[in-house]
Amino acid sequence: MTDAISSILSQIRAHETRMRGPAEAPLGNAIAVDGAGRPDAAGSAGAAGFQQTLSNAIDGVSRTQATAANLQQAFELGDPRADLARVMVAMQQSQVAFRATVEVRNRLVQAYQDVMNMPI
């Protein structure tokens, strides 16, 4: 169970690193602390980071799908800049990005269910 969660978290961190670039890479498992050295209230920094990462990933998939749709429409309208190869590559990228997002969602749901089913 913990291996699955660790795997998902490492995949999310890797995606976040790719989205930010190497100059802004996160500090790994750093825990936000307040002025007294205690963990920040309810882990708000960690939650915001995860929420932002997930939101960025979904926005990226949405942009990829919109680009593919625009290229497809331009090809159908006869735009000479939209050749068939570019349209097909954009559509495949869109499909792969969507499938990856669905797989991450499925793994997160499974990890949540595993945690909720753990005996106390």
Protein backbone atom coordinates (compact mmCIF):
# COMPACT_ATOMS: atom_id res chain seq x y z
CA MET A 1 0.00 0.00 0.00
CA THR A 2 2.65 2.52 0.97
CA ASP A 3 4.63 1.67 -2.16
CA ALA A 4 1.65 2.65 -4.31
CA ILE A 5 1.25 5.95 -2.47
CA SER A 6 4.98 6.66 -2.67
CA SER A 7 4.91 5.87 -6.37
CA ILE A 8 2.04 8.27 -6.99
CA LEU A 9 3.68 11.02 -4.96
CA SER A 10 6.97 10.60 -6.81
CA GLN A 11 5.15 10.76 -10.15
CA ILE A 12 3.37 13.95 -9.08
CA ARG A 13 6.64 15.49 -7.89
CA ALA A 14 8.37 14.56 -11.15
CA HIS A 15 5.53 16.13 -13.13
CA GLU A 16 5.66 19.25 -10.96
CA THR A 17 9.42 19.50 -11.52
CA ARG A 18 8.91 19.24 -15.29
CA MET A 19 6.21 21.91 -15.18
CA ARG A 20 8.27 24.33 -13.07
CA GLY A 21 11.65 23.70 -14.61
CA PRO A 22 14.91 22.80 -12.83
CA ALA A 23 15.47 26.27 -11.34
CA GLU A 24 12.31 26.15 -9.23
CA ALA A 25 12.42 22.51 -8.12
CA PRO A 26 10.70 21.81 -4.78
CA LEU A 27 12.66 20.76 -1.73
CA GLY A 28 11.30 17.19 -1.68
CA ASN A 29 9.60 16.14 1.55
CA ALA A 30 10.07 19.49 3.29
CA ILE A 31 7.38 20.28 5.86
CA ALA A 32 6.23 23.86 6.20
CA VAL A 33 6.65 25.25 9.72
CA ASP A 34 5.33 28.36 11.38
CA GLY A 35 7.42 30.81 13.40
CA ALA A 36 7.41 28.55 16.50
CA GLY A 37 8.87 25.59 14.61
CA ARG A 38 5.58 23.67 14.55
CA PRO A 39 4.09 22.26 11.35
CA ASP A 40 2.06 24.89 9.54
CA ALA A 41 -1.66 24.99 10.35
CA ALA A 42 -3.27 21.83 8.92
CA GLY A 43 -0.45 21.44 6.40
CA SER A 44 -1.85 24.23 4.26
CA ALA A 45 1.41 24.68 2.33
CA GLY A 46 1.51 20.99 1.40
CA ALA A 47 -2.15 20.95 0.46
CA ALA A 48 -1.79 24.08 -1.66
CA GLY A 49 1.24 22.56 -3.39
CA PHE A 50 -0.61 19.36 -4.20
CA GLN A 51 -3.71 21.24 -5.27
CA GLN A 52 -1.64 23.54 -7.48
CA THR A 53 0.23 20.60 -9.02
CA LEU A 54 -2.98 18.76 -9.79
CA SER A 55 -4.58 21.91 -11.17
CA ASN A 56 -1.55 22.59 -13.39
CA ALA A 57 -1.63 19.03 -14.70
CA ILE A 58 -5.33 19.24 -15.56
CA ASP A 59 -4.83 22.66 -17.18
CA GLY A 60 -1.99 21.22 -19.25
CA VAL A 61 -4.22 18.39 -20.48
CA SER A 62 -6.94 20.89 -21.30
CA ARG A 63 -4.50 23.06 -23.29
CA THR A 64 -3.21 19.99 -25.15
CA GLN A 65 -6.76 18.98 -26.08
CA ALA A 66 -7.63 22.52 -27.18
CA THR A 67 -4.50 22.70 -29.35
CA ALA A 68 -5.33 19.38 -30.98
CA ALA A 69 -8.91 20.49 -31.61
CA ASN A 70 -7.76 23.79 -33.13
CA LEU A 71 -5.26 22.02 -35.40
CA GLN A 72 -7.89 19.51 -36.44
CA GLN A 73 -10.35 22.28 -37.29
CA ALA A 74 -7.68 24.20 -39.21
CA PHE A 75 -6.81 21.07 -41.20
CA GLU A 76 -10.48 20.46 -42.00
CA LEU A 77 -10.83 24.05 -43.20
CA GLY A 78 -7.82 23.66 -45.51
CA ASP A 79 -5.26 25.79 -43.66
CA PRO A 80 -1.88 25.05 -45.30
CA ARG A 81 -0.03 25.44 -41.96
CA ALA A 82 -1.98 22.52 -40.46
CA ASP A 83 -0.61 19.45 -42.19
CA LEU A 84 -1.87 15.96 -41.45
CA ALA A 85 1.27 14.89 -39.56
CA ARG A 86 1.04 17.80 -37.10
CA VAL A 87 -2.65 17.15 -36.54
CA MET A 88 -2.13 13.45 -35.88
CA VAL A 89 0.78 14.09 -33.48
CA ALA A 90 -1.23 16.69 -31.58
CA MET A 91 -4.20 14.33 -31.30
CA GLN A 92 -1.98 11.51 -30.03
CA GLN A 93 -0.36 13.83 -27.47
CA SER A 94 -3.80 14.86 -26.31
CA GLN A 95 -4.93 11.26 -25.99
CA VAL A 96 -1.81 10.21 -24.06
CA ALA A 97 -2.10 13.19 -21.70
CA PHE A 98 -5.76 12.42 -21.00
CA ARG A 99 -5.07 8.72 -20.38
CA ALA A 100 -2.21 9.60 -18.02
CA THR A 101 -4.48 11.95 -16.08
CA VAL A 102 -7.17 9.29 -15.79
CA GLU A 103 -4.57 6.76 -14.58
CA VAL A 104 -3.29 9.18 -11.92
CA ARG A 105 -6.87 9.77 -10.80
CA ASN A 106 -7.50 6.03 -10.58
CA ARG A 107 -4.34 5.49 -8.55
CA LEU A 108 -5.20 8.32 -6.18
CA VAL A 109 -8.69 6.92 -5.64
CA GLN A 110 -7.24 3.44 -5.03
CA ALA A 111 -4.68 4.83 -2.56
CA TYR A 112 -7.45 6.72 -0.75
CA GLN A 113 -9.57 3.59 -0.55
CA ASP A 114 -6.60 1.59 0.74
CA VAL A 115 -5.96 4.15 3.47
CA MET A 116 -9.64 4.30 4.43
CA ASN A 117 -9.82 0.49 4.66
CA MET A 118 -6.81 0.19 6.97
CA PRO A 119 -7.64 -1.17 10.40
CA ILE A 120 -7.10 1.22 13.28
